[in-house]
Amino acid sequence: MTIKDFFSKQPPPSTTLTDALVHYKSLTEEKIRSYIPSMGEKTVLREACEYSLLNGGKRFRPALVHMVAKALGNAADVSYAALAIEFFHTASLVADDMPCMDNEEYRRNKPTVHKVYGESTALLVTYALISSAYECLAKCGQVLAKSKLPIAENSDQVTLCALANATRNTGLNGATGGQFIDLNPPNMSIGTLKDVMDKKTVSLFDIAFTFGWLFGGGDIKKLDQVKKAAAHFGMAFQIADDIGDMAQDTENECKVNFATALGLEKAVQIFHEEIEAFEKSLKELKIDSPDLMELSTYLNKQVHATL
C-alpha cells in the first residue's frame, strides 16, 4: 500500500471531534478570562500576560485534559488542570519567540509579546504564567478534595503526582531541555531529533494526558500506561507537524525536522505505527472514547493534506 493509498482510506474527522474542540476551546478561554483578575492589579505586566493568553490558538492541550477526564466517566471538574497546561504552553511560546531564541515577530498573525511589550516584560510573562500554572494545580487539587469522587480522599497524593509530572516535563528533562537541544544540537542524528521531539513536544502532551487522568479520577497505578499513550500521540503529532513543515524548513535551512532526516516515506510509516500504538493504548486503558479515538483521524488528515 502506498502512502497516498493509506491516507485515502482514512475517513474525514466527524463533527463530533470538531464540536468537542470548539466546546473545550470556549471553556478554556472563559476560564482564562475569569482567572486573569486574580493575577493581581492591572499593570503592564498583567496586560502582557492577558495579551499572550488571548491572542488566539486552538487550546488543543487543554482539550485533551478534558477529553481524558470525560472518557473516565466521573464527571470531574478538571478546568483548573486544563488552564495549567495552557499556561505552561503559552509560557513556552513566549520564550521561544524571543530574539535570543527563535526571534519571531509574529505569533498567530499578531505581533509577539516581546514586540509589543519589550523583551524584559516578555521574560517576566513566562515567569508569571509558569507560577500561575502551579497555582492552578493546587486549585484543581482543592476542587478534587471537595468532590464526591472515590479518589477525593487521595487528593493530596493526586496533586503531588501531577506536580511531579509537571516539574519534570517543564524542566531540563522536558520542554526546557528540549529547547536547549533544539538551539544547540550536538549532532543531527535520528537520536538527537527524537530527543528534541520527546522533550519539546511529547512532554506537554504527557502533562495533558496525566492531568486529565489524575484529576479525572483515573487509577494512579496505571499512570505509566497513560504516559505511554501520551508519548505515542505526541510522537505522531510532531511527525505530522514535521511532514507539513518539510518544504518551509528546507527553504529556511532548518535541519531539526524528523521527516526531512528520515525521508517522507519512512516518516509516514513511523507516524502510522505511533497512531496504531496510541489507539491500542487507549483501548487498554478503557478510555477509547469517540473524541480520543478520532484524534488519529485528525492527524491523518493533517498529514494527507501535505502529500
Protein backbone atom coordinates (compact mmCIF):
# COMPACT_ATOMS: atom_id res chain seq x y z
CA MET A 1 0.00 0.00 0.00
CA THR A 2 1.40 3.42 -0.96
CA ILE A 3 1.38 6.44 1.33
CA LYS A 4 -1.47 8.06 -0.57
CA ASP A 5 -3.44 4.80 -0.66
CA PHE A 6 -3.23 4.53 3.13
CA PHE A 7 -4.47 8.05 3.76
CA SER A 8 -7.15 7.86 1.08
CA LYS A 9 -8.79 5.12 3.15
CA GLN A 10 -8.99 7.33 6.24
CA PRO A 11 -12.47 8.79 6.87
CA PRO A 12 -12.69 12.55 7.45
CA PRO A 13 -12.94 13.66 11.09
CA SER A 14 -16.55 13.67 12.22
CA THR A 15 -18.29 16.72 13.58
CA THR A 16 -18.08 15.03 16.99
CA LEU A 17 -14.39 15.86 17.43
CA THR A 18 -14.73 19.27 15.79
CA ASP A 19 -17.60 20.18 18.09
CA ALA A 20 -15.67 18.90 21.11
CA LEU A 21 -12.61 21.01 20.27
CA VAL A 22 -14.77 24.10 19.79
CA HIS A 23 -16.56 23.43 23.08
CA TYR A 24 -13.37 22.91 25.08
CA LYS A 25 -11.73 25.94 23.49
CA SER A 26 -14.67 28.03 24.64
CA LEU A 27 -14.46 26.59 28.17
CA THR A 28 -10.73 27.28 28.37
CA GLU A 29 -11.00 30.86 27.14
CA GLU A 30 -13.82 31.55 29.57
CA LYS A 31 -11.67 30.14 32.38
CA ILE A 32 -8.70 32.27 31.29
CA ARG A 33 -10.78 35.45 31.37
CA SER A 34 -12.17 34.67 34.81
CA TYR A 35 -8.69 33.84 36.14
CA ILE A 36 -6.79 36.92 34.89
CA PRO A 37 -8.12 39.34 37.56
CA SER A 38 -6.73 37.03 40.26
CA MET A 39 -3.21 37.58 38.88
CA GLY A 40 -3.11 40.95 40.63
CA GLU A 41 -3.79 44.60 39.92
CA LYS A 42 -3.94 45.70 36.31
CA THR A 43 -0.39 46.59 35.32
CA VAL A 44 1.54 46.45 32.06
CA LEU A 45 2.82 43.02 33.08
CA ARG A 46 -0.67 41.67 33.72
CA GLU A 47 -1.79 43.20 30.43
CA ALA A 48 1.08 41.40 28.68
CA CYS A 49 0.04 38.12 30.30
CA GLU A 50 -3.51 38.68 29.09
CA TYR A 51 -2.26 39.50 25.60
CA SER A 52 -0.22 36.30 25.44
CA LEU A 53 -3.13 34.17 26.65
CA LEU A 54 -5.86 35.64 24.49
CA ASN A 55 -4.15 36.11 21.12
CA GLY A 56 -5.67 33.01 19.57
CA GLY A 57 -4.73 29.34 19.49
CA LYS A 58 -6.65 26.07 19.26
CA ARG A 59 -6.45 25.32 23.03
CA PHE A 60 -5.67 21.77 21.93
CA ARG A 61 -3.78 20.64 25.02
CA PRO A 62 -6.46 21.82 27.48
CA ALA A 63 -8.99 20.00 25.31
CA LEU A 64 -7.01 16.79 25.80
CA VAL A 65 -7.21 17.21 29.58
CA HIS A 66 -10.99 17.47 29.31
CA MET A 67 -11.26 14.57 26.84
CA VAL A 68 -9.29 12.16 29.00
CA ALA A 69 -11.27 13.13 32.10
CA LYS A 70 -14.56 12.78 30.23
CA ALA A 71 -13.54 9.34 28.92
CA LEU A 72 -13.11 8.18 32.53
CA GLY A 73 -16.79 8.91 33.10
CA ASN A 74 -16.52 10.52 36.53
CA ALA A 75 -17.82 13.96 35.57
CA ALA A 76 -14.80 15.50 37.29
CA ASP A 77 -14.09 19.23 37.14
CA VAL A 78 -10.64 19.48 35.56
CA SER A 79 -10.93 23.07 34.36
CA TYR A 80 -8.04 24.32 36.50
CA ALA A 81 -5.82 21.48 35.29
CA ALA A 82 -6.70 22.39 31.69
CA LEU A 83 -5.83 26.01 32.48
CA ALA A 84 -2.46 24.93 33.91
CA ILE A 85 -1.36 23.17 30.72
CA GLU A 86 -2.41 26.19 28.65
CA PHE A 87 -0.30 28.44 30.89
CA PHE A 88 2.71 26.13 30.54
CA HIS A 89 2.28 26.01 26.78
CA THR A 90 1.82 29.76 26.38
CA ALA A 91 4.89 30.45 28.53
CA SER A 92 6.95 28.20 26.23
CA LEU A 93 5.69 30.04 23.14
CA VAL A 94 6.53 33.46 24.59
CA ALA A 95 10.04 32.23 25.41
CA ASP A 96 10.54 30.53 22.03
CA ASP A 97 9.58 33.72 20.18
CA MET A 98 12.14 35.96 21.90
CA PRO A 99 15.16 37.36 19.99
CA CYS A 100 17.56 35.17 21.96
CA MET A 101 15.62 32.09 20.85
CA ASP A 102 13.74 31.90 17.52
CA ASN A 103 13.41 35.68 17.11
CA GLU A 104 9.84 35.59 15.82
CA GLU A 105 7.97 38.81 15.11
CA TYR A 106 4.51 37.28 14.78
CA ARG A 107 2.55 34.57 16.57
CA ARG A 108 -0.88 33.62 15.21
CA ASN A 109 -0.75 36.60 12.85
CA LYS A 110 -0.28 39.05 15.71
CA PRO A 111 2.91 40.73 16.97
CA THR A 112 4.72 38.56 19.50
CA VAL A 113 4.75 39.59 23.15
CA HIS A 114 8.30 40.95 23.10
CA LYS A 115 7.50 43.09 20.04
CA VAL A 116 4.56 44.69 21.83
CA TYR A 117 5.82 44.91 25.43
CA GLY A 118 9.60 44.55 25.19
CA GLU A 119 11.96 41.70 25.97
CA SER A 120 12.18 42.20 29.73
CA THR A 121 8.40 42.20 30.14
CA ALA A 122 8.08 39.14 27.88
CA LEU A 123 10.57 37.29 30.06
CA LEU A 124 8.58 38.19 33.16
CA VAL A 125 5.40 36.98 31.43
CA THR A 126 6.92 33.49 31.20
CA TYR A 127 7.67 33.54 34.94
CA ALA A 128 4.17 34.73 35.76
CA LEU A 129 2.45 32.13 33.61
CA ILE A 130 4.50 29.24 34.95
CA SER A 131 3.85 30.24 38.56
CA SER A 132 0.14 30.63 37.76
CA ALA A 133 0.11 27.16 36.25
CA TYR A 134 1.34 25.68 39.52
CA GLU A 135 -1.26 27.69 41.41
CA CYS A 136 -3.92 26.17 39.15
CA LEU A 137 -2.68 22.70 40.05
CA ALA A 138 -3.21 23.49 43.72
CA LYS A 139 -6.70 24.80 42.96
CA CYS A 140 -7.57 21.67 40.99
CA GLY A 141 -6.46 19.57 43.95
CA GLN A 142 -8.76 21.58 46.20
CA VAL A 143 -11.66 21.09 43.80
CA LEU A 144 -11.00 17.35 43.76
CA ALA A 145 -10.86 17.19 47.58
CA LYS A 146 -14.34 18.75 47.77
CA SER A 147 -15.81 16.44 45.14
CA LYS A 148 -17.70 13.21 45.69
CA LEU A 149 -15.31 11.15 43.59
CA PRO A 150 -13.88 7.99 45.19
CA ILE A 151 -10.35 9.42 44.89
CA ALA A 152 -11.27 12.67 46.68
CA GLU A 153 -9.72 11.36 49.89
CA ASN A 154 -6.45 10.91 47.97
CA SER A 155 -6.49 14.43 46.52
CA ASP A 156 -3.14 15.31 48.12
CA GLN A 157 -1.45 12.30 46.52
CA VAL A 158 -3.05 13.08 43.16
CA THR A 159 -1.87 16.69 43.32
CA LEU A 160 1.67 15.62 44.26
CA CYS A 161 1.76 13.22 41.30
CA ALA A 162 0.56 15.98 38.99
CA LEU A 163 3.15 18.36 40.42
CA ALA A 164 5.96 15.84 39.95
CA ASN A 165 4.86 15.27 36.36
CA ALA A 166 4.72 18.98 35.56
CA THR A 167 8.09 19.82 37.10
CA ARG A 168 9.82 17.03 35.19
CA ASN A 169 8.18 17.80 31.87
CA THR A 170 8.82 21.54 32.02
CA GLY A 171 12.40 21.29 33.30
CA LEU A 172 15.73 20.10 31.93
CA ASN A 173 14.29 16.66 31.21
CA GLY A 174 11.37 18.21 29.36
CA ALA A 175 10.49 21.36 27.43
CA THR A 176 13.38 23.50 28.75
CA GLY A 177 15.98 20.88 27.95
CA GLY A 178 14.37 20.20 24.59
CA GLN A 179 14.54 23.86 23.58
CA PHE A 180 18.22 23.95 24.52
CA ILE A 181 19.00 20.93 22.34
CA ASP A 182 16.91 22.41 19.53
CA LEU A 183 19.04 25.57 19.66
CA ASN A 184 22.31 23.71 20.23
CA PRO A 185 22.04 20.22 18.66
CA PRO A 186 25.19 18.17 19.36
CA ASN A 187 24.64 16.44 16.02
CA MET A 188 21.85 15.79 13.55
CA SER A 189 21.41 12.10 14.30
CA ILE A 190 17.99 10.50 14.46
CA GLY A 191 18.60 10.00 18.18
CA THR A 192 19.07 13.73 18.71
CA LEU A 193 15.97 14.57 16.70
CA LYS A 194 13.91 12.08 18.71
CA ASP A 195 15.29 13.55 21.92
CA VAL A 196 14.14 17.03 20.85
CA MET A 197 10.70 15.68 19.92
CA ASP A 198 10.35 13.81 23.19
CA LYS A 199 11.35 16.78 25.34
CA LYS A 200 9.75 19.66 23.43
CA THR A 201 6.54 18.11 22.13
CA VAL A 202 5.80 14.85 23.94
CA SER A 203 6.45 16.46 27.33
CA LEU A 204 3.45 18.80 27.13
CA PHE A 205 1.18 16.04 25.87
CA ASP A 206 2.41 13.91 28.77
CA ILE A 207 1.27 16.67 31.11
CA ALA A 208 -2.12 16.98 29.39
CA PHE A 209 -2.91 13.25 29.46
CA THR A 210 -1.59 12.86 33.00
CA PHE A 211 -3.61 15.81 34.34
CA GLY A 212 -6.78 14.54 32.67
CA TRP A 213 -6.22 11.05 34.07
CA LEU A 214 -5.27 12.05 37.62
CA PHE A 215 -7.79 14.81 38.24
CA GLY A 216 -10.40 12.93 36.25
CA GLY A 217 -10.34 10.08 38.77
CA GLY A 218 -8.08 7.58 37.00
CA ASP A 219 -6.12 4.87 38.80
CA ILE A 220 -2.70 6.24 39.80
CA LYS A 221 -1.25 2.74 39.38
CA LYS A 222 -1.92 2.96 35.64
CA LEU A 223 -0.10 6.24 35.18
CA ASP A 224 2.79 4.62 33.29
CA GLN A 225 0.30 3.33 30.70
CA VAL A 226 -1.18 6.81 30.38
CA LYS A 227 2.28 8.24 29.77
CA LYS A 228 2.87 5.69 27.01
CA ALA A 229 -0.37 6.71 25.31
CA ALA A 230 0.71 10.35 25.53
CA ALA A 231 4.15 9.50 24.13
CA HIS A 232 2.69 7.71 21.10
CA PHE A 233 0.31 10.56 20.43
CA GLY A 234 3.00 13.20 20.92
CA MET A 235 5.37 11.49 18.51
CA ALA A 236 2.62 11.12 15.90
CA PHE A 237 1.65 14.77 16.39
CA GLN A 238 5.22 16.03 15.89
CA ILE A 239 5.89 13.80 12.88
CA ALA A 240 2.69 15.10 11.28
CA ASP A 241 3.82 18.64 12.03
CA ASP A 242 7.29 17.99 10.59
CA ILE A 243 5.82 16.49 7.42
CA GLY A 244 3.74 19.62 6.97
CA ASP A 245 6.80 21.83 7.57
CA MET A 246 9.22 19.95 5.27
CA ALA A 247 9.16 22.47 2.41
CA GLN A 248 9.35 25.52 4.68
CA ASP A 249 12.10 24.04 6.87
CA THR A 250 14.15 23.12 3.78
CA GLU A 251 13.79 26.67 2.45
CA ASN A 252 14.81 28.13 5.83
CA GLU A 253 17.67 25.63 6.16
CA CYS A 254 16.16 24.27 9.37
CA LYS A 255 17.71 20.87 9.96
CA VAL A 256 15.72 19.84 13.03
CA ASN A 257 12.94 18.10 11.12
CA PHE A 258 12.29 14.40 11.67
CA ALA A 259 10.57 13.89 8.32
CA THR A 260 13.38 15.56 6.38
CA ALA A 261 16.01 13.48 8.18
CA LEU A 262 14.21 10.17 7.66
CA GLY A 263 12.60 10.81 4.31
CA LEU A 264 8.87 11.18 3.71
CA GLU A 265 8.01 7.51 3.25
CA LYS A 266 9.82 6.36 6.39
CA ALA A 267 8.35 9.26 8.40
CA VAL A 268 4.82 8.31 7.34
CA GLN A 269 5.50 4.68 8.25
CA ILE A 270 6.60 5.62 11.77
CA PHE A 271 3.67 8.02 12.05
CA HIS A 272 1.31 5.14 11.22
CA GLU A 273 2.98 2.89 13.82
CA GLU A 274 2.67 5.56 16.52
CA ILE A 275 -1.00 6.09 15.71
CA GLU A 276 -1.73 2.37 15.96
CA ALA A 277 0.12 2.16 19.28
CA PHE A 278 -1.81 5.19 20.55
CA GLU A 279 -5.18 3.64 19.70
CA LYS A 280 -4.14 0.35 21.31
CA SER A 281 -3.14 2.20 24.50
CA LEU A 282 -6.49 3.98 24.69
CA LYS A 283 -8.31 0.66 24.43
CA GLU A 284 -6.16 -0.95 27.12
CA LEU A 285 -6.88 1.99 29.44
CA LYS A 286 -10.58 1.79 28.52
CA ILE A 287 -10.70 5.46 27.52
CA ASP A 288 -11.23 4.81 23.82
CA SER A 289 -13.97 7.42 23.60
CA PRO A 290 -15.06 8.75 20.19
CA ASP A 291 -13.28 12.06 20.81
CA LEU A 292 -9.93 10.50 21.71
CA MET A 293 -10.08 7.83 19.01
CA GLU A 294 -10.85 10.43 16.37
CA LEU A 295 -7.63 12.24 17.19
CA SER A 296 -5.97 9.67 14.93
CA THR A 297 -8.14 10.74 12.02
CA TYR A 298 -7.44 14.37 12.89
CA LEU A 299 -3.69 13.79 12.48
CA ASN A 300 -4.14 11.55 9.44
CA LYS A 301 -5.98 14.34 7.68
CA GLN A 302 -3.26 16.82 8.57
CA VAL A 303 -0.60 14.59 7.02
CA HIS A 304 -2.68 13.72 3.99
CA ALA A 305 -3.18 17.42 3.20
CA THR A 306 0.56 17.77 2.57
CA LEU A 307 1.03 14.68 0.34
